Amino acid sequence: MPYDYDKSFHWEESLKVLMNRIRPGSVIALHDSPDSSSHLYLDMFIVEAKKNGYSFVLPE
């Protein structure tokens, strides 16, 4: 969990946690509440993860 819901956690730190913890087969869960910071870095995360060879699929 990248702490995207924690207001004391800056969005850049949240992105760093997410990038450091991603592994093959990871299921990424982010919050969609108004307090979540995920909307600030989601695009950056996807671009960086793809650069590192990850892909994104919808679960069946």
C-alpha atoms as a PDB file:
ATOM      1  CA  MET A   1       0.000   0.000   0.000  1.00  0.00           C
ATOM      2  CA  PRO A   2       1.555   3.325  -1.028  1.00  0.00           C
ATOM      3  CA  TYR A   3      -0.194   5.427   1.659  1.00  0.00           C
ATOM      4  CA  ASP A   4      -2.009   7.480  -0.984  1.00  0.00           C
ATOM      5  CA  TYR A   5      -4.735   8.156   1.601  1.00  0.00           C
ATOM      6  CA  ASP A   6      -2.389   9.515   4.290  1.00  0.00           C
ATOM      7  CA  LYS A   7      -2.321  13.324   4.263  1.00  0.00           C
ATOM      8  CA  SER A   8       0.975  13.356   6.161  1.00  0.00           C
ATOM      9  CA  PHE A   9       2.602  11.441   3.286  1.00  0.00           C
ATOM     10  CA  HIS A  10       3.630  13.666   0.355  1.00  0.00           C
ATOM     11  CA  TRP A  11       2.532  12.320  -3.041  1.00  0.00           C
ATOM     12  CA  GLU A  12       6.169  11.972  -4.172  1.00  0.00           C
ATOM     13  CA  GLU A  13       6.871   9.691  -1.206  1.00  0.00           C
ATOM     14  CA  SER A  14       3.773   7.689  -2.033  1.00  0.00           C
ATOM     15  CA  LEU A  15       5.012   7.248  -5.611  1.00  0.00           C
ATOM     16  CA  LYS A  16       8.443   6.200  -4.338  1.00  0.00           C
ATOM     17  CA  VAL A  17       6.905   3.551  -2.055  1.00  0.00           C
ATOM     18  CA  LEU A  18       4.835   2.217  -4.937  1.00  0.00           C
ATOM     19  CA  MET A  19       7.810   2.059  -7.314  1.00  0.00           C
ATOM     20  CA  ASN A  20       9.986   0.330  -4.695  1.00  0.00           C
ATOM     21  CA  ARG A  21       7.370  -2.294  -3.857  1.00  0.00           C
ATOM     22  CA  ILE A  22       6.103  -3.272  -7.306  1.00  0.00           C
ATOM     23  CA  ARG A  23       6.909  -6.876  -8.220  1.00  0.00           C
ATOM     24  CA  PRO A  24       5.827  -9.201 -11.037  1.00  0.00           C
ATOM     25  CA  GLY A  25       2.241 -10.201 -10.356  1.00  0.00           C
ATOM     26  CA  SER A  26       1.568  -7.243  -8.065  1.00  0.00           C
ATOM     27  CA  VAL A  27      -1.998  -6.116  -7.607  1.00  0.00           C
ATOM     28  CA  ILE A  28      -2.015  -2.324  -7.270  1.00  0.00           C
ATOM     29  CA  ALA A  29      -4.738  -0.902  -5.041  1.00  0.00           C
ATOM     30  CA  LEU A  30      -5.172   2.873  -4.836  1.00  0.00           C
ATOM     31  CA  HIS A  31      -7.909   4.907  -3.213  1.00  0.00           C
ATOM     32  CA  ASP A  32     -10.351   7.083  -5.151  1.00  0.00           C
ATOM     33  CA  SER A  33     -11.436   9.235  -2.222  1.00  0.00           C
ATOM     34  CA  PRO A  34     -10.971  13.016  -2.335  1.00  0.00           C
ATOM     35  CA  ASP A  35      -8.189  12.656   0.256  1.00  0.00           C
ATOM     36  CA  SER A  36      -6.140  10.318  -1.926  1.00  0.00           C
ATOM     37  CA  SER A  37      -3.040  11.654  -3.639  1.00  0.00           C
ATOM     38  CA  SER A  38      -2.982   8.893  -6.270  1.00  0.00           C
ATOM     39  CA  HIS A  39      -4.432  11.157  -8.962  1.00  0.00           C
ATOM     40  CA  LEU A  40      -1.278  13.281  -8.705  1.00  0.00           C
ATOM     41  CA  TYR A  41       1.107  10.493  -9.702  1.00  0.00           C
ATOM     42  CA  LEU A  42      -0.856   7.699 -11.380  1.00  0.00           C
ATOM     43  CA  ASP A  43       0.200   8.700 -14.898  1.00  0.00           C
ATOM     44  CA  MET A  44       3.850   8.940 -13.820  1.00  0.00           C
ATOM     45  CA  PHE A  45       3.646   5.552 -12.125  1.00  0.00           C
ATOM     46  CA  ILE A  46       2.223   3.863 -15.218  1.00  0.00           C
ATOM     47  CA  VAL A  47       4.871   5.391 -17.510  1.00  0.00           C
ATOM     48  CA  GLU A  48       7.752   4.436 -15.193  1.00  0.00           C
ATOM     49  CA  ALA A  49       6.425   0.937 -14.568  1.00  0.00           C
ATOM     50  CA  LYS A  50       6.090   0.323 -18.317  1.00  0.00           C
ATOM     51  CA  LYS A  51       9.663   1.579 -18.821  1.00  0.00           C
ATOM     52  CA  ASN A  52      10.722  -1.102 -16.336  1.00  0.00           C
ATOM     53  CA  GLY A  53       8.942  -3.838 -18.292  1.00  0.00           C
ATOM     54  CA  TYR A  54       5.660  -4.041 -16.423  1.00  0.00           C
ATOM     55  CA  SER A  55       2.298  -4.215 -18.139  1.00  0.00           C
ATOM     56  CA  PHE A  56      -1.229  -3.594 -16.914  1.00  0.00           C
ATOM     57  CA  VAL A  57      -4.185  -5.911 -17.405  1.00  0.00           C
ATOM     58  CA  LEU A  58      -7.710  -6.169 -16.090  1.00  0.00           C
ATOM     59  CA  PRO A  59      -8.299  -9.212 -13.883  1.00  0.00           C
ATOM     60  CA  GLU A  60     -10.622 -11.813 -15.351  1.00  0.00           C
END
